[in-house]
Amino acid sequence: MRIEHRWVFFATPVHNFEAFAGVSGAVALFGELLGVRTVGVALGATAGATYNLGAFFRLGLVARVDATRFLVPFTAGDGVLRADGGVASVSATLGLLAEFLGR
């Protein structure tokens, strides 16, 4: 479960361009074969922009960085102890958005 707060910049009725930045926090569950093996926390930062092509369609680009720290050590199927020593996993994502706006 993730909660994110975004700040929108340049949002005016005159321009179709919107830039945004956000921060998020999450509770992460990890496991194999539909079973939960450990839980953790994740913190993230987001930045991006969208351009409204019309009243019902917009395109955008978003970049996201997340750091996840599992709280309970666990072993994977290979027998290696994971999430030990307090090291966080950091991941980055770059996404293209195509959003349809409507009711």
N, C-alpha and C. Protein backbone atom coordinates (compact mmCIF):
# COMPACT_ATOMS: atom_id res chain seq x y z
N MET A 1 0.85 -1.15 0.00
CA MET A 1 0.00 0.00 0.00
C MET A 1 0.90 1.23 0.00
N ARG A 2 0.63 2.17 -0.91
CA ARG A 2 1.46 3.36 -1.04
C ARG A 2 0.59 4.60 -0.97
N ILE A 3 1.08 5.60 -0.26
CA ILE A 3 0.43 6.91 -0.18
C ILE A 3 1.39 7.94 -0.75
N GLU A 4 0.89 8.76 -1.66
CA GLU A 4 1.75 9.75 -2.31
C GLU A 4 1.10 11.12 -2.26
N HIS A 5 1.91 12.13 -2.05
CA HIS A 5 1.45 13.52 -2.11
C HIS A 5 2.21 14.21 -3.25
N ARG A 6 1.47 14.89 -4.12
CA ARG A 6 2.08 15.58 -5.25
C ARG A 6 1.82 17.07 -5.19
N TRP A 7 2.82 17.82 -5.61
CA TRP A 7 2.69 19.26 -5.80
C TRP A 7 2.68 19.51 -7.30
N VAL A 8 1.70 20.24 -7.79
CA VAL A 8 1.57 20.52 -9.22
C VAL A 8 2.01 21.96 -9.46
N PHE A 9 2.88 22.14 -10.47
CA PHE A 9 3.40 23.46 -10.83
C PHE A 9 2.89 23.83 -12.22
N PHE A 10 2.75 25.08 -12.49
CA PHE A 10 2.34 25.60 -13.79
C PHE A 10 0.95 25.16 -14.21
N ALA A 11 0.09 24.84 -13.29
CA ALA A 11 -1.27 24.42 -13.64
C ALA A 11 -2.16 25.65 -13.77
N THR A 12 -2.35 26.11 -14.98
CA THR A 12 -3.22 27.26 -15.24
C THR A 12 -4.16 26.90 -16.38
N PRO A 13 -5.31 27.53 -16.46
CA PRO A 13 -6.23 27.24 -17.56
C PRO A 13 -5.69 27.69 -18.92
N VAL A 14 -4.67 28.56 -18.93
CA VAL A 14 -4.13 29.09 -20.18
C VAL A 14 -3.18 28.09 -20.84
N HIS A 15 -2.43 27.33 -20.04
CA HIS A 15 -1.43 26.40 -20.56
C HIS A 15 -1.89 24.96 -20.42
N ASN A 16 -1.46 24.12 -21.32
CA ASN A 16 -1.78 22.70 -21.26
C ASN A 16 -0.70 21.88 -20.57
N PHE A 17 0.38 22.52 -20.15
CA PHE A 17 1.52 21.85 -19.54
C PHE A 17 1.41 21.89 -18.02
N GLU A 18 1.67 20.75 -17.37
CA GLU A 18 1.70 20.67 -15.91
C GLU A 18 2.94 19.90 -15.48
N ALA A 19 3.73 20.46 -14.61
CA ALA A 19 4.87 19.76 -14.01
C ALA A 19 4.50 19.43 -12.56
N PHE A 20 5.03 18.31 -12.06
CA PHE A 20 4.71 17.91 -10.69
C PHE A 20 5.91 17.24 -10.03
N ALA A 21 5.88 17.26 -8.71
CA ALA A 21 6.86 16.56 -7.88
C ALA A 21 6.10 15.94 -6.72
N GLY A 22 6.58 14.82 -6.22
CA GLY A 22 5.87 14.16 -5.15
C GLY A 22 6.78 13.33 -4.26
N VAL A 23 6.27 13.02 -3.09
CA VAL A 23 6.94 12.13 -2.14
C VAL A 23 5.93 11.06 -1.73
N SER A 24 6.44 9.87 -1.39
CA SER A 24 5.54 8.79 -1.03
C SER A 24 6.13 7.93 0.08
N GLY A 25 5.26 7.23 0.73
CA GLY A 25 5.63 6.25 1.74
C GLY A 25 4.78 5.01 1.53
N ALA A 26 5.32 3.85 1.86
CA ALA A 26 4.58 2.61 1.58
C ALA A 26 4.93 1.53 2.57
N VAL A 27 4.06 0.55 2.66
CA VAL A 27 4.30 -0.69 3.36
C VAL A 27 4.49 -1.75 2.27
N ALA A 28 5.60 -2.46 2.29
CA ALA A 28 5.92 -3.44 1.25
C ALA A 28 5.81 -4.85 1.80
N LEU A 29 5.19 -5.72 1.05
CA LEU A 29 5.12 -7.15 1.37
C LEU A 29 5.90 -7.90 0.31
N PHE A 30 6.67 -8.89 0.72
CA PHE A 30 7.46 -9.67 -0.23
C PHE A 30 7.33 -11.14 0.09
N GLY A 31 7.23 -11.95 -0.94
CA GLY A 31 7.14 -13.40 -0.73
C GLY A 31 7.24 -14.15 -2.03
N GLU A 32 7.03 -15.46 -1.93
CA GLU A 32 7.05 -16.33 -3.10
C GLU A 32 5.85 -17.25 -3.03
N LEU A 33 5.37 -17.67 -4.20
CA LEU A 33 4.27 -18.62 -4.30
C LEU A 33 3.07 -18.20 -3.47
N LEU A 34 2.69 -16.93 -3.59
CA LEU A 34 1.52 -16.34 -2.93
C LEU A 34 1.61 -16.32 -1.41
N GLY A 35 2.79 -16.47 -0.85
CA GLY A 35 2.97 -16.39 0.59
C GLY A 35 3.85 -15.20 0.94
N VAL A 36 3.53 -14.50 2.01
CA VAL A 36 4.31 -13.35 2.46
C VAL A 36 5.45 -13.84 3.33
N ARG A 37 6.69 -13.49 2.98
CA ARG A 37 7.87 -13.92 3.74
C ARG A 37 8.39 -12.83 4.65
N THR A 38 8.20 -11.55 4.25
CA THR A 38 8.70 -10.44 5.05
C THR A 38 7.92 -9.18 4.74
N VAL A 39 8.06 -8.19 5.59
CA VAL A 39 7.43 -6.88 5.38
C VAL A 39 8.51 -5.81 5.48
N GLY A 40 8.21 -4.66 4.95
CA GLY A 40 9.17 -3.57 5.00
C GLY A 40 8.52 -2.23 4.75
N VAL A 41 9.34 -1.22 4.68
CA VAL A 41 8.88 0.13 4.39
C VAL A 41 9.58 0.62 3.13
N ALA A 42 8.92 1.51 2.43
CA ALA A 42 9.50 2.10 1.22
C ALA A 42 9.23 3.60 1.23
N LEU A 43 10.23 4.36 0.82
CA LEU A 43 10.12 5.80 0.65
C LEU A 43 10.45 6.12 -0.80
N GLY A 44 9.74 7.09 -1.38
CA GLY A 44 9.96 7.39 -2.79
C GLY A 44 9.85 8.86 -3.10
N ALA A 45 10.40 9.22 -4.25
CA ALA A 45 10.30 10.58 -4.78
C ALA A 45 9.93 10.47 -6.25
N THR A 46 9.05 11.37 -6.70
CA THR A 46 8.54 11.36 -8.06
C THR A 46 8.67 12.76 -8.65
N ALA A 47 8.98 12.83 -9.94
CA ALA A 47 8.97 14.10 -10.68
C ALA A 47 8.53 13.80 -12.10
N GLY A 48 7.80 14.72 -12.68
CA GLY A 48 7.33 14.48 -14.04
C GLY A 48 6.57 15.66 -14.59
N ALA A 49 6.03 15.45 -15.78
CA ALA A 49 5.26 16.50 -16.45
C ALA A 49 4.24 15.84 -17.36
N THR A 50 3.12 16.53 -17.56
CA THR A 50 2.09 16.07 -18.49
C THR A 50 1.70 17.23 -19.40
N TYR A 51 1.21 16.86 -20.57
CA TYR A 51 0.73 17.86 -21.54
C TYR A 51 -0.64 17.41 -22.02
N ASN A 52 -1.64 18.27 -21.81
CA ASN A 52 -3.00 17.96 -22.21
C ASN A 52 -3.16 18.20 -23.71
N LEU A 53 -3.44 17.14 -24.45
CA LEU A 53 -3.64 17.26 -25.89
C LEU A 53 -5.07 17.67 -26.23
N GLY A 54 -5.96 17.44 -25.33
CA GLY A 54 -7.37 17.80 -25.51
C GLY A 54 -8.07 17.72 -24.17
N ALA A 55 -9.37 17.79 -24.22
CA ALA A 55 -10.14 17.76 -22.97
C ALA A 55 -10.13 16.38 -22.31
N PHE A 56 -9.85 15.33 -23.10
CA PHE A 56 -9.97 13.98 -22.56
C PHE A 56 -8.71 13.13 -22.71
N PHE A 57 -7.58 13.70 -23.14
CA PHE A 57 -6.38 12.90 -23.36
C PHE A 57 -5.14 13.72 -23.05
N ARG A 58 -4.17 13.11 -22.36
CA ARG A 58 -2.90 13.76 -22.09
C ARG A 58 -1.75 12.77 -22.12
N LEU A 59 -0.57 13.28 -22.45
CA LEU A 59 0.66 12.50 -22.48
C LEU A 59 1.60 13.03 -21.41
N GLY A 60 2.48 12.18 -20.92
CA GLY A 60 3.40 12.64 -19.88
C GLY A 60 4.61 11.76 -19.74
N LEU A 61 5.51 12.22 -18.90
CA LEU A 61 6.74 11.52 -18.57
C LEU A 61 6.93 11.63 -17.06
N VAL A 62 7.27 10.52 -16.41
CA VAL A 62 7.44 10.52 -14.96
C VAL A 62 8.68 9.71 -14.60
N ALA A 63 9.46 10.23 -13.66
CA ALA A 63 10.63 9.54 -13.13
C ALA A 63 10.40 9.30 -11.64
N ARG A 64 10.77 8.13 -11.17
CA ARG A 64 10.51 7.75 -9.78
C ARG A 64 11.70 7.01 -9.21
N VAL A 65 12.05 7.30 -7.96
CA VAL A 65 13.10 6.60 -7.23
C VAL A 65 12.49 6.11 -5.92
N ASP A 66 12.68 4.82 -5.63
CA ASP A 66 12.16 4.22 -4.41
C ASP A 66 13.28 3.52 -3.65
N ALA A 67 13.25 3.63 -2.34
CA ALA A 67 14.16 2.90 -1.46
C ALA A 67 13.31 2.03 -0.54
N THR A 68 13.58 0.72 -0.56
CA THR A 68 12.81 -0.24 0.23
C THR A 68 13.73 -0.93 1.23
N ARG A 69 13.29 -1.01 2.46
CA ARG A 69 14.05 -1.66 3.54
C ARG A 69 13.15 -2.70 4.17
N PHE A 70 13.53 -3.97 4.03
CA PHE A 70 12.75 -5.04 4.65
C PHE A 70 13.16 -5.17 6.11
N LEU A 71 12.17 -5.31 6.98
CA LEU A 71 12.40 -5.26 8.43
C LEU A 71 12.72 -6.63 9.02
N VAL A 72 12.25 -7.69 8.40
CA VAL A 72 12.45 -9.03 8.92
C VAL A 72 13.34 -9.80 7.95
N PRO A 73 14.52 -10.30 8.37
CA PRO A 73 15.35 -11.10 7.46
C PRO A 73 14.60 -12.36 7.00
N PHE A 74 14.86 -12.79 5.78
CA PHE A 74 14.20 -13.96 5.24
C PHE A 74 15.15 -14.68 4.29
N THR A 75 14.86 -15.94 4.02
CA THR A 75 15.64 -16.70 3.05
C THR A 75 14.78 -16.91 1.81
N ALA A 76 15.42 -16.80 0.65
CA ALA A 76 14.74 -17.06 -0.61
C ALA A 76 14.87 -18.55 -0.94
N GLY A 77 14.38 -18.94 -2.09
CA GLY A 77 14.43 -20.34 -2.49
C GLY A 77 15.83 -20.88 -2.64
N ASP A 78 16.84 -20.00 -2.79
CA ASP A 78 18.23 -20.46 -2.94
C ASP A 78 18.94 -20.63 -1.61
N GLY A 79 18.24 -20.36 -0.49
CA GLY A 79 18.83 -20.56 0.82
C GLY A 79 19.69 -19.41 1.32
N VAL A 80 19.79 -18.32 0.58
CA VAL A 80 20.61 -17.17 0.97
C VAL A 80 19.77 -16.25 1.86
N LEU A 81 20.34 -15.83 2.98
CA LEU A 81 19.66 -14.91 3.89
C LEU A 81 19.59 -13.54 3.25
N ARG A 82 18.40 -13.01 3.12
CA ARG A 82 18.18 -11.70 2.50
C ARG A 82 17.78 -10.69 3.56
N ALA A 83 17.91 -9.41 3.21
CA ALA A 83 17.47 -8.29 4.05
C ALA A 83 18.18 -8.26 5.39
N ASP A 84 19.41 -8.70 5.44
CA ASP A 84 20.16 -8.69 6.69
C ASP A 84 21.20 -7.57 6.62
N GLY A 85 21.37 -6.82 7.69
CA GLY A 85 22.39 -5.79 7.73
C GLY A 85 21.89 -4.39 7.45
N GLY A 86 20.60 -4.22 7.22
CA GLY A 86 20.05 -2.87 7.09
C GLY A 86 20.25 -2.20 5.76
N VAL A 87 20.60 -2.94 4.71
CA VAL A 87 20.81 -2.34 3.40
C VAL A 87 19.46 -2.20 2.69
N ALA A 88 19.19 -1.02 2.17
CA ALA A 88 17.95 -0.78 1.44
C ALA A 88 18.15 -1.09 -0.03
N SER A 89 17.10 -1.54 -0.68
CA SER A 89 17.10 -1.73 -2.12
C SER A 89 16.60 -0.43 -2.76
N VAL A 90 17.35 0.07 -3.72
CA VAL A 90 16.98 1.30 -4.41
C VAL A 90 16.64 0.96 -5.84
N SER A 91 15.50 1.46 -6.31
CA SER A 91 15.10 1.22 -7.69
C SER A 91 14.66 2.53 -8.32
N ALA A 92 14.87 2.64 -9.62
CA ALA A 92 14.48 3.84 -10.37
C ALA A 92 13.61 3.40 -11.55
N THR A 93 12.60 4.22 -11.85
CA THR A 93 11.67 3.92 -12.93
C THR A 93 11.45 5.16 -13.76
N LEU A 94 11.42 5.00 -15.07
CA LEU A 94 11.07 6.08 -15.98
C LEU A 94 9.88 5.59 -16.79
N GLY A 95 8.80 6.35 -16.76
CA GLY A 95 7.58 5.90 -17.43
C GLY A 95 7.00 6.94 -18.37
N LEU A 96 6.40 6.45 -19.43
CA LEU A 96 5.64 7.29 -20.35
C LEU A 96 4.16 7.13 -20.01
N LEU A 97 3.45 8.24 -19.93
CA LEU A 97 2.03 8.21 -19.55
C LEU A 97 1.16 8.52 -20.75
N ALA A 98 0.10 7.80 -20.88
CA ALA A 98 -0.97 8.10 -21.82
C ALA A 98 -2.26 7.96 -21.03
N GLU A 99 -2.89 9.07 -20.68
CA GLU A 99 -4.04 9.05 -19.79
C GLU A 99 -5.29 9.53 -20.52
N PHE A 100 -6.36 8.77 -20.32
CA PHE A 100 -7.65 9.16 -20.84
C PHE A 100 -8.44 9.73 -19.69
N LEU A 101 -8.90 10.95 -19.83
CA LEU A 101 -9.63 11.63 -18.78
C LEU A 101 -11.11 11.60 -19.11
N GLY A 102 -11.91 11.32 -18.15
CA GLY A 102 -13.36 11.28 -18.40
C GLY A 102 -14.09 11.03 -17.11
N ARG A 103 -15.33 10.76 -17.26
CA ARG A 103 -16.18 10.54 -16.08
C ARG A 103 -16.21 9.11 -15.69
